Amino acid sequence: MKPKTCKVCKIKFTPVRPIQPCCGYECSVTYGIAVASKNAARKARNEAKAHREAKVKAKTKAQWTREAQAAVNKVRRLEDQLKGYPCISCGRHHKGQYHAGHYRSTKAAPELRFEPRNIHLQCQPCNTHLSGNIIEYRKGLIARYGVEEVEWLEGPHDPKHYTIDDLKAIKKEYTDRLKNNQQNA
């Protein structure tokens, strides 16, 4: 048989069997342990992947809606911050927490839940303590977009019935936009 290089100690040897990977008993044991640990690691990775896939398949529509909304809100906050906009309601810049405030709430107008013109940078006091500070929010919208746009937001809209695939697409779109915005920032 042709000489081979041992997989463990890297010395040349003449194998006794055609598929013999190592030069002797000790190297074979070491090689066997290495192969077994590689196989165990591969099995663990495959099990983890299967577990992740099962978790994704088990997500409810409500979970996909929350994830899509979180992605949209994050992008809208970042876009307004990059443009240097203050809080849409009170018009101030502050060092506190900012939210993505909805002019028409997701309960009152679920069809506008993902509408970018309905979501703006809003300081935590206006959004939480003043329940959105809607009167001032409306004034901020009129100053930024004009009366026609605000009347469109306040007007009737066709209901939207999002499927899980729609929600996945929205989440992906806004996650990609977030990556682009962060790279450009």
Protein backbone atom coordinates (compact mmCIF):
# COMPACT_ATOMS: atom_id res chain seq x y z
CA MET A 1 0.00 0.00 0.00
CA LYS A 2 0.99 3.58 -0.56
CA PRO A 3 2.37 5.52 2.41
CA LYS A 4 -0.01 8.01 4.07
CA THR A 5 0.26 10.89 6.52
CA CYS A 6 -1.26 10.25 9.96
CA LYS A 7 -4.31 12.48 10.59
CA VAL A 8 -3.20 13.12 14.19
CA CYS A 9 0.60 13.23 14.46
CA LYS A 10 1.27 14.03 10.78
CA ILE A 11 4.07 11.46 10.33
CA LYS A 12 4.33 9.20 7.26
CA PHE A 13 3.30 5.56 7.73
CA THR A 14 2.37 2.54 5.64
CA PRO A 15 -1.27 1.57 6.37
CA VAL A 16 -2.28 -2.03 7.08
CA ARG A 17 -5.86 -1.42 5.84
CA PRO A 18 -6.86 0.76 2.84
CA ILE A 19 -9.00 3.20 4.89
CA GLN A 20 -6.70 3.41 7.92
CA PRO A 21 -6.45 7.15 8.85
CA CYS A 22 -3.83 6.92 11.63
CA CYS A 23 -0.44 5.36 12.26
CA GLY A 24 -1.22 3.43 15.44
CA TYR A 25 -3.52 2.73 18.37
CA GLU A 26 -2.98 5.97 20.33
CA CYS A 27 -3.46 8.18 17.27
CA SER A 28 -6.56 6.15 16.33
CA VAL A 29 -8.08 6.72 19.78
CA THR A 30 -7.32 10.46 19.57
CA TYR A 31 -8.73 10.59 16.04
CA GLY A 32 -11.87 8.71 17.11
CA ILE A 33 -12.47 11.14 19.97
CA ALA A 34 -12.03 14.12 17.62
CA VAL A 35 -14.43 12.64 15.06
CA ALA A 36 -16.98 11.85 17.78
CA SER A 37 -16.81 15.39 19.17
CA LYS A 38 -17.21 16.84 15.66
CA ASN A 39 -20.24 14.62 15.11
CA ALA A 40 -21.68 15.62 18.49
CA ALA A 41 -21.17 19.29 17.68
CA ARG A 42 -22.80 18.83 14.26
CA LYS A 43 -25.73 17.03 15.88
CA ALA A 44 -26.11 19.81 18.48
CA ARG A 45 -26.08 22.45 15.72
CA ASN A 46 -28.71 20.54 13.74
CA GLU A 47 -30.89 20.14 16.83
CA ALA A 48 -30.57 23.84 17.65
CA LYS A 49 -31.48 24.74 14.08
CA ALA A 50 -34.51 22.43 14.17
CA HIS A 51 -35.55 23.98 17.50
CA ARG A 52 -35.27 27.53 16.08
CA GLU A 53 -37.29 26.53 13.02
CA ALA A 54 -39.96 24.91 15.21
CA LYS A 55 -40.19 28.08 17.33
CA VAL A 56 -40.66 30.21 14.20
CA LYS A 57 -43.35 27.83 12.89
CA ALA A 58 -45.15 27.94 16.24
CA LYS A 59 -45.39 31.76 16.33
CA THR A 60 -48.90 33.12 16.34
CA LYS A 61 -50.20 35.94 14.19
CA ALA A 62 -50.18 38.18 17.28
CA GLN A 63 -46.48 37.48 17.83
CA TRP A 64 -45.69 38.29 14.18
CA THR A 65 -47.74 41.49 14.50
CA ARG A 66 -45.78 42.58 17.59
CA GLU A 67 -42.46 41.85 15.89
CA ALA A 68 -43.45 43.71 12.72
CA GLN A 69 -44.71 46.67 14.79
CA ALA A 70 -41.46 46.76 16.77
CA ALA A 71 -39.42 46.84 13.54
CA VAL A 72 -41.58 49.62 12.05
CA ASN A 73 -41.43 51.67 15.26
CA LYS A 74 -37.66 51.33 15.52
CA VAL A 75 -37.16 52.51 11.94
CA ARG A 76 -39.56 55.44 12.30
CA ARG A 77 -37.81 56.60 15.50
CA LEU A 78 -34.40 56.34 13.87
CA GLU A 79 -35.50 58.10 10.66
CA ASP A 80 -36.95 61.04 12.58
CA GLN A 81 -33.86 61.24 14.79
CA LEU A 82 -31.55 61.20 11.76
CA LYS A 83 -33.54 64.08 10.26
CA GLY A 84 -33.09 65.96 13.53
CA TYR A 85 -36.81 66.16 14.28
CA PRO A 86 -37.92 66.91 17.84
CA CYS A 87 -40.92 65.34 19.56
CA ILE A 88 -43.88 65.75 17.18
CA SER A 89 -46.15 66.85 20.05
CA CYS A 90 -44.15 69.22 22.24
CA GLY A 91 -41.40 70.15 19.79
CA ARG A 92 -38.57 69.69 22.24
CA HIS A 93 -35.33 67.73 22.12
CA HIS A 94 -34.43 66.09 25.37
CA LYS A 95 -32.12 63.43 26.71
CA GLY A 96 -34.94 61.14 27.86
CA GLN A 97 -36.53 58.20 26.17
CA TYR A 98 -38.24 58.54 22.79
CA HIS A 99 -41.15 56.45 21.55
CA ALA A 100 -42.67 55.89 18.14
CA GLY A 101 -46.01 57.57 18.82
CA HIS A 102 -49.05 56.80 16.68
CA TYR A 103 -51.37 59.72 15.87
CA ARG A 104 -54.25 57.29 15.38
CA SER A 105 -53.74 54.48 17.88
CA THR A 106 -53.44 50.88 16.77
CA LYS A 107 -56.70 50.10 18.59
CA ALA A 108 -58.65 53.01 17.06
CA ALA A 109 -57.31 52.56 13.53
CA PRO A 110 -55.61 49.16 13.12
CA GLU A 111 -55.45 49.74 9.37
CA LEU A 112 -52.93 52.57 10.04
CA ARG A 113 -50.80 50.51 12.42
CA PHE A 114 -47.88 50.29 9.93
CA GLU A 115 -48.53 53.58 8.08
CA PRO A 116 -45.31 55.66 8.32
CA ARG A 117 -47.23 58.97 8.19
CA ASN A 118 -49.09 57.89 11.33
CA ILE A 119 -45.92 57.11 13.36
CA HIS A 120 -43.52 59.80 14.55
CA LEU A 121 -40.82 60.43 17.10
CA GLN A 122 -42.48 61.31 20.39
CA CYS A 123 -41.00 61.90 23.81
CA GLN A 124 -41.94 59.52 26.59
CA PRO A 125 -43.82 62.14 28.68
CA CYS A 126 -46.06 63.13 25.75
CA ASN A 127 -46.73 59.56 24.66
CA THR A 128 -47.20 57.96 28.07
CA HIS A 129 -48.21 60.63 30.59
CA LEU A 130 -50.23 62.81 28.21
CA SER A 131 -51.77 59.88 26.29
CA GLY A 132 -50.11 60.93 23.07
CA ASN A 133 -50.71 64.68 23.53
CA ILE A 134 -52.99 64.40 20.51
CA ILE A 135 -53.94 68.06 20.09
CA GLU A 136 -50.30 69.11 19.93
CA TYR A 137 -49.50 66.02 17.83
CA ARG A 138 -52.09 67.19 15.28
CA LYS A 139 -50.54 70.67 15.21
CA GLY A 140 -47.12 69.10 14.62
CA LEU A 141 -48.49 66.98 11.78
CA ILE A 142 -50.11 70.01 10.13
CA ALA A 143 -46.84 71.93 10.39
CA ARG A 144 -44.89 69.02 8.89
CA TYR A 145 -47.30 67.72 6.22
CA GLY A 146 -50.23 70.09 5.82
CA VAL A 147 -53.94 69.89 6.59
CA GLU A 148 -54.81 67.57 3.70
CA GLU A 149 -52.48 64.86 4.97
CA VAL A 150 -53.86 65.10 8.50
CA GLU A 151 -57.43 64.94 7.20
CA TRP A 152 -56.48 61.86 5.21
CA LEU A 153 -55.14 60.23 8.39
CA GLU A 154 -58.32 61.15 10.27
CA GLY A 155 -60.59 59.96 7.47
CA PRO A 156 -61.99 56.50 6.84
CA HIS A 157 -59.71 53.73 5.61
CA ASP A 158 -60.32 50.27 4.28
CA PRO A 159 -59.65 47.61 6.90
CA LYS A 160 -56.49 45.59 6.37
CA HIS A 161 -56.37 41.93 7.18
CA TYR A 162 -52.70 41.03 7.40
CA THR A 163 -51.65 37.44 6.92
CA ILE A 164 -48.61 35.98 8.63
CA ASP A 165 -46.75 36.23 5.31
CA ASP A 166 -47.68 39.94 5.09
CA LEU A 167 -46.37 40.50 8.60
CA LYS A 168 -43.15 38.62 7.83
CA ALA A 169 -42.66 40.78 4.73
CA ILE A 170 -43.26 43.99 6.70
CA LYS A 171 -40.81 42.91 9.38
CA LYS A 172 -38.18 42.00 6.77
CA GLU A 173 -38.65 45.27 4.86
CA TYR A 174 -38.22 47.38 7.97
CA THR A 175 -35.36 45.29 9.33
CA ASP A 176 -33.54 45.87 6.02
CA ARG A 177 -34.34 49.59 6.18
CA LEU A 178 -32.98 49.70 9.73
CA LYS A 179 -29.70 48.12 8.61
CA ASN A 180 -29.43 50.64 5.74
CA ASN A 181 -30.18 53.58 8.03
CA GLN A 182 -27.63 52.43 10.60
CA GLN A 183 -24.97 52.04 7.92
CA ASN A 184 -25.70 55.53 6.59
CA ALA A 185 -25.74 57.11 10.06
